[in-house]
Amino acid sequence: MKLLQDRIREEGLILSDTVLKVDSFLNHQVDTYLALEIGREFARIFGHKTITKVLTIEASGIQFAMATAIALGVPFIYAKKKKAVTLSEQVYSAPVHSFTRQETYQVSISRKYLSPSDQVLIVDDFLATGAALVGLVDIVKEAGAELMGVGCVIEKSFQEGRALLESKGVRVHSLARIAAMSPGEIRFVEDEDPVVYSQV
């Protein structure tokens, strides 16, 4: 997705060869037009399938799952990292390790919002190690629902997440696949040469 790649090149801050900061437009301050375009793109990619729910994990995937669900005309659900006192009913749950926060969460979804009749598209902001997405895949399987695919906004293709998901038979589509990066330089999977840019 060229619009997304251009924004990463213009505003993304590469802090190391594994850490990309996109909080000026994706996951702290959100460019709402870009978020809606991302949702439309996921709907275009996966819309030929019957999808009844879009699923993500709090918090950074919520805007993209919502935009995708709006474009598809279906509800979206987000897995909660901490069980609220109001979540008294039975839940599906899975442990998820956060690469950026270096914490492990027990994420949960109320059983009344996910059923064996659902056909689920998972959407998240980043694919790196794949831990969060594997947790969501496990929840979908536990619910007996059908997984229709996984959509990721940004993928660090040099990390193991895609291979891990594909080894489980999961179809993955990422809108911006980063082949390699270092401060001041980023190369997307389809690029032949690195693009060097000035960080802001």
N, C-alpha and C. Protein backbone atom coordinates (compact mmCIF):
# COMPACT_ATOMS: atom_id res chain seq x y z
N MET A 1 0.86 -1.18 0.00
CA MET A 1 0.00 0.00 0.00
C MET A 1 0.91 1.24 0.00
N LYS A 2 0.95 1.88 -1.14
CA LYS A 2 1.90 2.98 -1.32
C LYS A 2 1.69 4.13 -0.33
N LEU A 3 0.43 4.49 -0.09
CA LEU A 3 0.14 5.58 0.84
C LEU A 3 0.76 5.31 2.21
N LEU A 4 0.62 4.09 2.68
CA LEU A 4 1.17 3.71 3.98
C LEU A 4 2.70 3.70 3.94
N GLN A 5 3.28 3.13 2.92
CA GLN A 5 4.74 3.09 2.80
C GLN A 5 5.33 4.50 2.77
N ASP A 6 4.66 5.39 2.04
CA ASP A 6 5.15 6.77 1.97
C ASP A 6 5.16 7.43 3.35
N ARG A 7 4.10 7.19 4.14
CA ARG A 7 4.05 7.78 5.47
C ARG A 7 5.12 7.19 6.38
N ILE A 8 5.39 5.91 6.25
CA ILE A 8 6.45 5.28 7.05
C ILE A 8 7.79 5.91 6.69
N ARG A 9 8.03 6.12 5.41
CA ARG A 9 9.28 6.73 4.98
C ARG A 9 9.41 8.17 5.45
N GLU A 10 8.29 8.90 5.42
CA GLU A 10 8.32 10.32 5.78
C GLU A 10 8.36 10.56 7.29
N GLU A 11 7.60 9.76 8.05
CA GLU A 11 7.41 10.06 9.47
C GLU A 11 7.88 8.97 10.42
N GLY A 12 8.14 7.78 9.92
CA GLY A 12 8.58 6.69 10.80
C GLY A 12 9.95 6.96 11.38
N LEU A 13 10.11 6.66 12.65
CA LEU A 13 11.40 6.80 13.32
C LEU A 13 11.97 5.42 13.58
N ILE A 14 13.10 5.12 12.98
CA ILE A 14 13.72 3.82 13.16
C ILE A 14 14.74 3.95 14.29
N LEU A 15 14.40 3.36 15.42
CA LEU A 15 15.24 3.49 16.61
C LEU A 15 16.36 2.46 16.65
N SER A 16 16.15 1.34 15.94
CA SER A 16 17.18 0.30 15.85
C SER A 16 16.81 -0.57 14.66
N ASP A 17 17.54 -1.66 14.46
CA ASP A 17 17.21 -2.53 13.33
C ASP A 17 15.98 -3.40 13.59
N THR A 18 15.36 -3.27 14.78
CA THR A 18 14.13 -4.00 15.06
C THR A 18 12.98 -3.12 15.55
N VAL A 19 13.25 -1.84 15.88
CA VAL A 19 12.21 -0.99 16.47
C VAL A 19 11.87 0.18 15.54
N LEU A 20 10.61 0.21 15.12
CA LEU A 20 10.08 1.28 14.27
C LEU A 20 9.00 2.01 15.05
N LYS A 21 9.13 3.33 15.14
CA LYS A 21 8.16 4.15 15.87
C LYS A 21 7.29 4.88 14.86
N VAL A 22 5.97 4.64 14.93
CA VAL A 22 5.03 5.26 14.00
C VAL A 22 3.90 5.95 14.77
N ASP A 23 4.25 6.46 15.95
CA ASP A 23 3.21 7.00 16.83
C ASP A 23 2.68 8.36 16.41
N SER A 24 3.29 9.01 15.40
CA SER A 24 2.79 10.31 14.97
C SER A 24 1.59 10.17 14.03
N PHE A 25 1.36 8.95 13.49
CA PHE A 25 0.26 8.80 12.54
C PHE A 25 -0.50 7.48 12.64
N LEU A 26 0.02 6.50 13.39
CA LEU A 26 -0.66 5.20 13.44
C LEU A 26 -1.12 4.75 14.83
N ASN A 27 -0.26 4.84 15.83
CA ASN A 27 -0.65 4.19 17.09
C ASN A 27 -0.50 5.01 18.36
N HIS A 28 -0.47 6.32 18.24
CA HIS A 28 -0.61 7.19 19.41
C HIS A 28 -1.49 8.37 18.96
N GLN A 29 -0.95 9.17 18.06
CA GLN A 29 -1.80 10.07 17.27
C GLN A 29 -2.15 9.31 15.99
N VAL A 30 -3.43 9.31 15.64
CA VAL A 30 -3.88 8.51 14.50
C VAL A 30 -4.36 9.42 13.37
N ASP A 31 -3.82 9.21 12.19
CA ASP A 31 -4.33 9.87 10.99
C ASP A 31 -5.59 9.11 10.59
N THR A 32 -6.74 9.71 10.84
CA THR A 32 -8.00 9.01 10.65
C THR A 32 -8.28 8.69 9.19
N TYR A 33 -7.86 9.57 8.30
CA TYR A 33 -8.03 9.27 6.87
C TYR A 33 -7.22 8.03 6.49
N LEU A 34 -5.98 7.97 6.95
CA LEU A 34 -5.14 6.81 6.65
C LEU A 34 -5.73 5.55 7.27
N ALA A 35 -6.22 5.64 8.50
CA ALA A 35 -6.83 4.47 9.15
C ALA A 35 -8.01 3.95 8.34
N LEU A 36 -8.86 4.87 7.85
CA LEU A 36 -10.01 4.45 7.06
C LEU A 36 -9.58 3.84 5.73
N GLU A 37 -8.52 4.38 5.12
CA GLU A 37 -8.00 3.81 3.88
C GLU A 37 -7.45 2.40 4.12
N ILE A 38 -6.80 2.21 5.26
CA ILE A 38 -6.30 0.88 5.63
C ILE A 38 -7.46 -0.10 5.77
N GLY A 39 -8.54 0.34 6.42
CA GLY A 39 -9.72 -0.50 6.55
C GLY A 39 -10.32 -0.88 5.20
N ARG A 40 -10.39 0.10 4.30
CA ARG A 40 -10.92 -0.16 2.95
C ARG A 40 -10.03 -1.15 2.18
N GLU A 41 -8.72 -1.03 2.38
CA GLU A 41 -7.80 -1.93 1.69
C GLU A 41 -7.95 -3.36 2.20
N PHE A 42 -8.06 -3.53 3.51
CA PHE A 42 -8.28 -4.88 4.05
C PHE A 42 -9.61 -5.44 3.56
N ALA A 43 -10.64 -4.59 3.49
CA ALA A 43 -11.94 -5.04 2.99
C ALA A 43 -11.84 -5.46 1.52
N ARG A 44 -11.03 -4.74 0.74
CA ARG A 44 -10.83 -5.11 -0.66
C ARG A 44 -10.12 -6.45 -0.78
N ILE A 45 -9.11 -6.67 0.07
CA ILE A 45 -8.30 -7.89 0.01
C ILE A 45 -9.09 -9.11 0.47
N PHE A 46 -9.83 -8.96 1.56
CA PHE A 46 -10.51 -10.11 2.16
C PHE A 46 -12.02 -10.13 1.88
N GLY A 47 -12.53 -9.10 1.21
CA GLY A 47 -13.97 -8.96 1.07
C GLY A 47 -14.66 -10.02 0.23
N HIS A 48 -13.89 -10.79 -0.57
CA HIS A 48 -14.51 -11.86 -1.36
C HIS A 48 -14.88 -13.05 -0.48
N LYS A 49 -14.40 -13.06 0.76
CA LYS A 49 -14.75 -14.11 1.71
C LYS A 49 -15.94 -13.65 2.56
N THR A 50 -16.69 -14.60 3.07
CA THR A 50 -17.76 -14.26 4.01
C THR A 50 -17.13 -14.05 5.38
N ILE A 51 -17.23 -12.84 5.89
CA ILE A 51 -16.66 -12.50 7.20
C ILE A 51 -17.79 -11.96 8.08
N THR A 52 -17.90 -12.50 9.28
CA THR A 52 -18.96 -12.05 10.20
C THR A 52 -18.44 -11.21 11.34
N LYS A 53 -17.13 -11.32 11.65
CA LYS A 53 -16.54 -10.54 12.73
C LYS A 53 -15.09 -10.20 12.38
N VAL A 54 -14.67 -9.01 12.80
CA VAL A 54 -13.25 -8.64 12.74
C VAL A 54 -12.73 -8.64 14.17
N LEU A 55 -11.57 -9.24 14.38
CA LEU A 55 -11.01 -9.42 15.72
C LEU A 55 -9.64 -8.77 15.81
N THR A 56 -9.38 -8.10 16.94
CA THR A 56 -8.05 -7.55 17.21
C THR A 56 -7.77 -7.64 18.70
N ILE A 57 -6.66 -7.05 19.10
CA ILE A 57 -6.26 -7.04 20.50
C ILE A 57 -6.05 -5.58 20.91
N GLU A 58 -6.43 -5.23 22.13
CA GLU A 58 -6.22 -3.84 22.55
C GLU A 58 -4.73 -3.56 22.72
N ALA A 59 -4.26 -2.35 22.43
CA ALA A 59 -5.09 -1.22 22.07
C ALA A 59 -4.80 -0.77 20.65
N SER A 60 -3.58 -0.97 20.16
CA SER A 60 -3.17 -0.32 18.91
C SER A 60 -3.83 -0.86 17.65
N GLY A 61 -4.45 -2.02 17.73
CA GLY A 61 -5.13 -2.55 16.55
C GLY A 61 -6.56 -2.11 16.42
N ILE A 62 -7.10 -1.46 17.46
CA ILE A 62 -8.54 -1.17 17.49
C ILE A 62 -8.98 -0.30 16.32
N GLN A 63 -8.25 0.77 16.03
CA GLN A 63 -8.71 1.67 14.97
C GLN A 63 -8.72 1.01 13.60
N PHE A 64 -7.80 0.09 13.37
CA PHE A 64 -7.73 -0.58 12.07
C PHE A 64 -8.79 -1.68 11.96
N ALA A 65 -9.04 -2.37 13.06
CA ALA A 65 -10.12 -3.36 13.07
C ALA A 65 -11.46 -2.69 12.88
N MET A 66 -11.64 -1.55 13.54
CA MET A 66 -12.91 -0.82 13.40
C MET A 66 -13.09 -0.32 11.97
N ALA A 67 -12.04 0.25 11.39
CA ALA A 67 -12.13 0.74 10.01
C ALA A 67 -12.43 -0.40 9.04
N THR A 68 -11.81 -1.56 9.26
CA THR A 68 -12.06 -2.72 8.41
C THR A 68 -13.48 -3.22 8.58
N ALA A 69 -13.94 -3.28 9.83
CA ALA A 69 -15.30 -3.75 10.10
C ALA A 69 -16.33 -2.82 9.48
N ILE A 70 -16.09 -1.50 9.55
CA ILE A 70 -17.00 -0.54 8.92
C ILE A 70 -17.06 -0.79 7.41
N ALA A 71 -15.89 -0.98 6.80
CA ALA A 71 -15.84 -1.22 5.35
C ALA A 71 -16.53 -2.52 4.96
N LEU A 72 -16.48 -3.52 5.84
CA LEU A 72 -17.11 -4.81 5.57
C LEU A 72 -18.57 -4.86 6.03
N GLY A 73 -18.96 -3.90 6.88
CA GLY A 73 -20.33 -3.88 7.40
C GLY A 73 -20.62 -4.94 8.44
N VAL A 74 -19.60 -5.24 9.28
CA VAL A 74 -19.76 -6.26 10.33
C VAL A 74 -19.25 -5.70 11.66
N PRO A 75 -19.56 -6.35 12.79
CA PRO A 75 -19.02 -5.90 14.07
C PRO A 75 -17.53 -6.24 14.20
N PHE A 76 -16.87 -5.56 15.14
CA PHE A 76 -15.52 -5.98 15.49
C PHE A 76 -15.44 -6.20 17.00
N ILE A 77 -14.51 -7.05 17.39
CA ILE A 77 -14.29 -7.40 18.80
C ILE A 77 -12.83 -7.15 19.09
N TYR A 78 -12.53 -6.69 20.30
CA TYR A 78 -11.12 -6.65 20.68
C TYR A 78 -10.90 -7.44 21.95
N ALA A 79 -9.83 -8.24 21.93
CA ALA A 79 -9.45 -9.01 23.12
C ALA A 79 -8.89 -8.06 24.16
N LYS A 80 -9.32 -8.25 25.40
CA LYS A 80 -8.87 -7.39 26.49
C LYS A 80 -7.66 -8.00 27.19
N LYS A 81 -6.70 -7.12 27.53
CA LYS A 81 -5.48 -7.60 28.18
C LYS A 81 -5.66 -7.82 29.67
N LYS A 82 -6.64 -7.16 30.24
CA LYS A 82 -6.93 -7.37 31.66
C LYS A 82 -8.42 -7.58 31.81
N LYS A 83 -8.81 -8.55 32.60
CA LYS A 83 -10.22 -8.86 32.77
C LYS A 83 -10.87 -7.82 33.68
N ALA A 84 -11.84 -7.09 33.13
CA ALA A 84 -12.55 -6.08 33.91
C ALA A 84 -13.55 -6.73 34.85
N VAL A 85 -13.90 -6.03 35.92
CA VAL A 85 -14.88 -6.57 36.87
C VAL A 85 -16.24 -6.76 36.20
N THR A 86 -16.50 -6.00 35.14
CA THR A 86 -17.76 -6.13 34.42
C THR A 86 -17.79 -7.36 33.52
N LEU A 87 -16.61 -7.95 33.26
CA LEU A 87 -16.53 -9.14 32.41
C LEU A 87 -16.66 -10.37 33.30
N SER A 88 -17.90 -10.63 33.73
CA SER A 88 -18.15 -11.70 34.70
C SER A 88 -18.48 -13.03 34.04
N GLU A 89 -18.84 -12.99 32.74
CA GLU A 89 -19.25 -14.21 32.06
C GLU A 89 -18.03 -15.04 31.65
N GLN A 90 -18.30 -16.19 31.06
CA GLN A 90 -17.25 -17.08 30.59
C GLN A 90 -16.48 -16.44 29.44
N VAL A 91 -15.19 -16.69 29.38
CA VAL A 91 -14.35 -16.08 28.36
C VAL A 91 -13.48 -17.12 27.66
N TYR A 92 -13.06 -16.78 26.45
CA TYR A 92 -11.96 -17.48 25.79
C TYR A 92 -10.71 -16.69 26.15
N SER A 93 -9.61 -17.37 26.39
CA SER A 93 -8.39 -16.64 26.75
C SER A 93 -7.14 -17.33 26.21
N ALA A 94 -6.07 -16.54 26.12
CA ALA A 94 -4.78 -17.06 25.66
C ALA A 94 -3.68 -16.16 26.19
N PRO A 95 -2.50 -16.72 26.51
CA PRO A 95 -1.37 -15.88 26.92
C PRO A 95 -0.72 -15.24 25.70
N VAL A 96 -0.35 -13.96 25.83
CA VAL A 96 0.28 -13.22 24.73
C VAL A 96 1.46 -12.45 25.28
N HIS A 97 2.62 -12.60 24.65
CA HIS A 97 3.81 -11.84 25.07
C HIS A 97 3.97 -10.62 24.18
N SER A 98 4.09 -9.43 24.78
CA SER A 98 4.28 -8.19 24.04
C SER A 98 5.77 -7.94 23.82
N PHE A 99 6.16 -7.85 22.54
CA PHE A 99 7.55 -7.58 22.18
C PHE A 99 7.96 -6.18 22.62
N THR A 100 7.05 -5.19 22.40
CA THR A 100 7.41 -3.80 22.70
C THR A 100 7.40 -3.51 24.19
N ARG A 101 6.51 -4.16 24.93
CA ARG A 101 6.41 -3.88 26.37
C ARG A 101 7.13 -4.90 27.24
N GLN A 102 7.57 -5.98 26.62
CA GLN A 102 8.27 -7.06 27.35
C GLN A 102 7.44 -7.54 28.55
N GLU A 103 6.15 -7.75 28.28
CA GLU A 103 5.23 -8.28 29.28
C GLU A 103 4.39 -9.38 28.67
N THR A 104 3.91 -10.29 29.51
CA THR A 104 2.98 -11.32 29.06
C THR A 104 1.61 -11.04 29.66
N TYR A 105 0.59 -11.03 28.78
CA TYR A 105 -0.78 -10.77 29.19
C TYR A 105 -1.63 -12.02 28.97
N GLN A 106 -2.67 -12.17 29.76
CA GLN A 106 -3.69 -13.17 29.50
C GLN A 106 -4.84 -12.41 28.83
N VAL A 107 -4.97 -12.53 27.52
CA VAL A 107 -6.02 -11.79 26.82
C VAL A 107 -7.30 -12.61 26.80
N SER A 108 -8.43 -11.91 26.81
CA SER A 108 -9.70 -12.63 26.90
C SER A 108 -10.79 -11.95 26.08
N ILE A 109 -11.75 -12.78 25.66
CA ILE A 109 -12.92 -12.35 24.91
C ILE A 109 -14.13 -13.07 25.48
N SER A 110 -15.21 -12.35 25.69
CA SER A 110 -16.43 -12.97 26.18
C SER A 110 -16.93 -14.02 25.18
N ARG A 111 -17.32 -15.17 25.70
CA ARG A 111 -17.81 -16.25 24.83
C ARG A 111 -19.09 -15.87 24.10
N LYS A 112 -19.83 -14.89 24.62
CA LYS A 112 -21.09 -14.56 23.95
C LYS A 112 -20.88 -13.75 22.67
N TYR A 113 -19.66 -13.26 22.41
CA TYR A 113 -19.41 -12.48 21.21
C TYR A 113 -18.64 -13.23 20.12
N LEU A 114 -18.30 -14.49 20.38
CA LEU A 114 -17.58 -15.30 19.40
C LEU A 114 -18.12 -16.72 19.47
N SER A 115 -18.60 -17.23 18.34
CA SER A 115 -19.26 -18.54 18.36
C SER A 115 -18.79 -19.39 17.18
N PRO A 116 -19.11 -20.69 17.19
CA PRO A 116 -18.70 -21.57 16.08
C PRO A 116 -19.28 -21.15 14.72
N SER A 117 -20.31 -20.34 14.71
CA SER A 117 -20.90 -19.91 13.44
C SER A 117 -20.16 -18.72 12.83
N ASP A 118 -19.21 -18.13 13.58
CA ASP A 118 -18.51 -16.94 13.09
C ASP A 118 -17.39 -17.28 12.12
N GLN A 119 -17.21 -16.36 11.16
CA GLN A 119 -16.10 -16.41 10.21
C GLN A 119 -15.29 -15.14 10.44
N VAL A 120 -14.06 -15.32 10.93
CA VAL A 120 -13.33 -14.23 11.58
C VAL A 120 -12.13 -13.78 10.76
N LEU A 121 -11.99 -12.46 10.63
CA LEU A 121 -10.78 -11.85 10.08
C LEU A 121 -10.06 -11.17 11.23
N ILE A 122 -8.79 -11.52 11.46
CA ILE A 122 -7.98 -10.87 12.48
C ILE A 122 -7.22 -9.71 11.84
N VAL A 123 -7.23 -8.55 12.50
CA VAL A 123 -6.50 -7.37 12.02
C VAL A 123 -5.66 -6.83 13.17
N ASP A 124 -4.41 -6.49 12.89
CA ASP A 124 -3.56 -5.89 13.93
C ASP A 124 -2.61 -4.88 13.29
N ASP A 125 -1.98 -4.06 14.15
CA ASP A 125 -1.11 -3.02 13.61
C ASP A 125 0.25 -3.55 13.16
N PHE A 126 0.87 -4.42 13.97
CA PHE A 126 2.21 -4.91 13.66
C PHE A 126 2.26 -6.44 13.65
N LEU A 127 3.06 -6.98 12.76
CA LEU A 127 3.45 -8.39 12.80
C LEU A 127 4.96 -8.42 12.92
N ALA A 128 5.45 -8.93 14.04
CA ALA A 128 6.89 -9.06 14.28
C ALA A 128 7.18 -10.50 14.70
N THR A 129 7.09 -10.79 15.98
CA THR A 129 7.32 -12.16 16.44
C THR A 129 6.08 -13.03 16.25
N GLY A 130 4.92 -12.38 16.11
CA GLY A 130 3.68 -13.12 15.88
C GLY A 130 2.97 -13.58 17.13
N ALA A 131 3.51 -13.26 18.32
CA ALA A 131 2.94 -13.79 19.56
C ALA A 131 1.49 -13.36 19.77
N ALA A 132 1.20 -12.08 19.57
CA ALA A 132 -0.17 -11.59 19.79
C ALA A 132 -1.13 -12.25 18.81
N LEU A 133 -0.72 -12.36 17.57
CA LEU A 133 -1.60 -12.94 16.56
C LEU A 133 -1.82 -14.43 16.78
N VAL A 134 -0.80 -15.13 17.22
CA VAL A 134 -0.96 -16.55 17.54
C VAL A 134 -1.97 -16.72 18.67
N GLY A 135 -1.91 -15.82 19.67
CA GLY A 135 -2.88 -15.86 20.76
C GLY A 135 -4.30 -15.68 20.24
N LEU A 136 -4.50 -14.75 19.31
CA LEU A 136 -5.83 -14.54 18.73
C LEU A 136 -6.27 -15.73 17.89
N VAL A 137 -5.34 -16.30 17.13
CA VAL A 137 -5.65 -17.50 16.34
C VAL A 137 -6.11 -18.62 17.26
N ASP A 138 -5.42 -18.79 18.38
CA ASP A 138 -5.80 -19.83 19.34
C ASP A 138 -7.19 -19.60 19.91
N ILE A 139 -7.54 -18.34 20.17
CA ILE A 139 -8.87 -18.02 20.68
C ILE A 139 -9.94 -18.35 19.64
N VAL A 140 -9.69 -18.01 18.38
CA VAL A 140 -10.64 -18.33 17.31
C VAL A 140 -10.86 -19.84 17.24
N LYS A 141 -9.78 -20.60 17.33
CA LYS A 141 -9.88 -22.06 17.29
C LYS A 141 -10.63 -22.60 18.50
N GLU A 142 -10.34 -22.02 19.68
CA GLU A 142 -11.02 -22.45 20.90
C GLU A 142 -12.52 -22.22 20.79
N ALA A 143 -12.92 -21.13 20.13
CA ALA A 143 -14.34 -20.81 19.96
C ALA A 143 -15.01 -21.71 18.92
N GLY A 144 -14.21 -22.41 18.14
CA GLY A 144 -14.76 -23.24 17.07
C GLY A 144 -15.15 -22.44 15.84
N ALA A 145 -14.74 -21.16 15.80
CA ALA A 145 -15.04 -20.29 14.66
C ALA A 145 -14.06 -20.59 13.52
N GLU A 146 -14.37 -20.06 12.35
CA GLU A 146 -13.51 -20.25 11.18
C GLU A 146 -12.66 -19.01 10.97
N LEU A 147 -11.35 -19.20 10.87
CA LEU A 147 -10.43 -18.09 10.63
C LEU A 147 -10.30 -17.87 9.13
N MET A 148 -10.63 -16.66 8.67
CA MET A 148 -10.60 -16.36 7.25
C MET A 148 -9.28 -15.73 6.80
N GLY A 149 -8.46 -15.30 7.76
CA GLY A 149 -7.18 -14.70 7.43
C GLY A 149 -6.74 -13.71 8.48
N VAL A 150 -5.51 -13.23 8.30
CA VAL A 150 -4.92 -12.23 9.19
C VAL A 150 -4.43 -11.07 8.34
N GLY A 151 -4.84 -9.85 8.71
CA GLY A 151 -4.37 -8.65 8.05
C GLY A 151 -3.53 -7.82 9.00
N CYS A 152 -2.32 -7.46 8.58
CA CYS A 152 -1.43 -6.65 9.41
C CYS A 152 -1.10 -5.36 8.67
N VAL A 153 -1.07 -4.27 9.41
CA VAL A 153 -0.77 -2.99 8.80
C VAL A 153 0.71 -2.95 8.40
N ILE A 154 1.60 -3.24 9.36
CA ILE A 154 3.05 -3.24 9.09
C ILE A 154 3.62 -4.58 9.53
N GLU A 155 4.43 -5.15 8.68
CA GLU A 155 5.10 -6.42 9.01
C GLU A 155 6.61 -6.22 8.96
N LYS A 156 7.29 -6.68 10.00
CA LYS A 156 8.75 -6.76 9.99
C LYS A 156 9.09 -8.15 9.45
N SER A 157 9.28 -8.24 8.15
CA SER A 157 9.43 -9.54 7.50
C SER A 157 10.71 -10.26 7.87
N PHE A 158 11.63 -9.54 8.49
CA PHE A 158 12.89 -10.17 8.91
C PHE A 158 12.73 -10.87 10.26
N GLN A 159 11.56 -10.77 10.88
CA GLN A 159 11.30 -11.49 12.12
C GLN A 159 10.41 -12.69 11.83
N GLU A 160 10.19 -13.53 12.83
CA GLU A 160 9.65 -14.87 12.60
C GLU A 160 8.13 -14.98 12.54
N GLY A 161 7.42 -13.86 12.71
CA GLY A 161 5.97 -13.91 12.85
C GLY A 161 5.24 -14.55 11.69
N ARG A 162 5.55 -14.14 10.46
CA ARG A 162 4.85 -14.69 9.29
C ARG A 162 5.05 -16.20 9.19
N ALA A 163 6.29 -16.66 9.33
CA ALA A 163 6.56 -18.09 9.23
C ALA A 163 5.80 -18.87 10.30
N LEU A 164 5.73 -18.30 11.49
CA LEU A 164 5.01 -18.95 12.58
C LEU A 164 3.53 -19.10 12.25
N LEU A 165 2.92 -18.05 11.74
CA LEU A 165 1.50 -18.10 11.38
C LEU A 165 1.26 -19.03 10.19
N GLU A 166 2.11 -18.92 9.18
CA GLU A 166 1.92 -19.76 8.01
C GLU A 166 2.12 -21.24 8.32
N SER A 167 2.97 -21.54 9.32
CA SER A 167 3.16 -22.94 9.73
C SER A 167 1.89 -23.51 10.36
N LYS A 168 1.00 -22.61 10.80
CA LYS A 168 -0.29 -23.02 11.36
C LYS A 168 -1.40 -22.99 10.31
N GLY A 169 -1.01 -22.75 9.06
CA GLY A 169 -1.98 -22.72 7.97
C GLY A 169 -2.77 -21.44 7.86
N VAL A 170 -2.24 -20.34 8.43
CA VAL A 170 -2.94 -19.07 8.45
C VAL A 170 -2.52 -18.22 7.24
N ARG A 171 -3.50 -17.67 6.52
CA ARG A 171 -3.22 -16.75 5.41
C ARG A 171 -2.94 -15.38 6.00
N VAL A 172 -1.79 -14.79 5.65
CA VAL A 172 -1.39 -13.48 6.17
C VAL A 172 -1.24 -12.51 5.01
N HIS A 173 -1.81 -11.31 5.18
CA HIS A 173 -1.58 -10.24 4.21
C HIS A 173 -1.20 -8.97 4.98
N SER A 174 -0.04 -8.42 4.67
CA SER A 174 0.43 -7.19 5.31
C SER A 174 0.49 -6.08 4.28
N LEU A 175 0.11 -4.87 4.70
CA LEU A 175 0.05 -3.74 3.77
C LEU A 175 1.41 -3.11 3.51
N ALA A 176 2.32 -3.20 4.48
CA ALA A 176 3.69 -2.70 4.31
C ALA A 176 4.62 -3.74 4.92
N ARG A 177 5.40 -4.40 4.07
CA ARG A 177 6.32 -5.45 4.54
C ARG A 177 7.75 -4.91 4.51
N ILE A 178 8.35 -4.79 5.69
CA ILE A 178 9.70 -4.26 5.80
C ILE A 178 10.70 -5.40 5.74
N ALA A 179 11.59 -5.33 4.75
CA ALA A 179 12.61 -6.36 4.59
C ALA A 179 13.78 -6.15 5.54
N ALA A 180 14.16 -4.88 5.74
CA ALA A 180 15.28 -4.53 6.63
C ALA A 180 15.19 -3.05 6.94
N MET A 181 15.76 -2.68 8.09
CA MET A 181 15.78 -1.27 8.45
C MET A 181 16.93 -1.00 9.41
N SER A 182 17.36 0.23 9.40
CA SER A 182 18.35 0.73 10.35
C SER A 182 18.13 2.23 10.40
N PRO A 183 18.62 2.92 11.43
CA PRO A 183 18.37 4.37 11.51
C PRO A 183 18.73 5.09 10.21
N GLY A 184 17.73 5.76 9.63
CA GLY A 184 17.93 6.49 8.38
C GLY A 184 17.71 5.70 7.12
N GLU A 185 17.42 4.41 7.23
CA GLU A 185 17.28 3.58 6.03
C GLU A 185 16.20 2.53 6.24
N ILE A 186 15.35 2.34 5.21
CA ILE A 186 14.32 1.32 5.27
C ILE A 186 14.17 0.68 3.91
N ARG A 187 13.96 -0.62 3.88
CA ARG A 187 13.76 -1.33 2.61
C ARG A 187 12.52 -2.20 2.75
N PHE A 188 11.56 -1.99 1.87
CA PHE A 188 10.37 -2.81 1.84
C PHE A 188 10.63 -4.04 0.99
N VAL A 189 9.84 -5.07 1.20
CA VAL A 189 10.06 -6.35 0.53
C VAL A 189 10.09 -6.19 -0.98
N GLU A 190 9.22 -5.33 -1.54
CA GLU A 190 9.17 -5.19 -2.99
C GLU A 190 10.20 -4.20 -3.53
N ASP A 191 10.94 -3.52 -2.64
CA ASP A 191 11.97 -2.57 -3.09
C ASP A 191 13.20 -3.32 -3.58
N GLU A 192 13.80 -2.82 -4.63
CA GLU A 192 15.07 -3.38 -5.09
C GLU A 192 16.25 -2.75 -4.36
N ASP A 193 16.11 -1.47 -4.02
CA ASP A 193 17.19 -0.74 -3.36
C ASP A 193 16.67 -0.10 -2.07
N PRO A 194 17.53 0.08 -1.06
CA PRO A 194 17.09 0.75 0.16
C PRO A 194 16.70 2.20 -0.13
N VAL A 195 15.75 2.69 0.59
CA VAL A 195 15.37 4.10 0.49
C VAL A 195 15.93 4.82 1.70
N VAL A 196 16.76 5.81 1.47
CA VAL A 196 17.37 6.58 2.56
C VAL A 196 16.58 7.88 2.70
N TYR A 197 16.25 8.23 3.91
CA TYR A 197 15.44 9.42 4.13
C TYR A 197 15.87 10.10 5.40
N SER A 198 15.49 11.36 5.56
CA SER A 198 15.79 12.11 6.77
C SER A 198 14.67 11.90 7.78
N GLN A 199 15.02 11.49 8.99
CA GLN A 199 14.01 11.30 10.03
C GLN A 199 13.62 12.64 10.61
N VAL A 200 12.33 12.74 10.99
CA VAL A 200 11.83 13.97 11.61
C VAL A 200 11.75 13.79 13.10
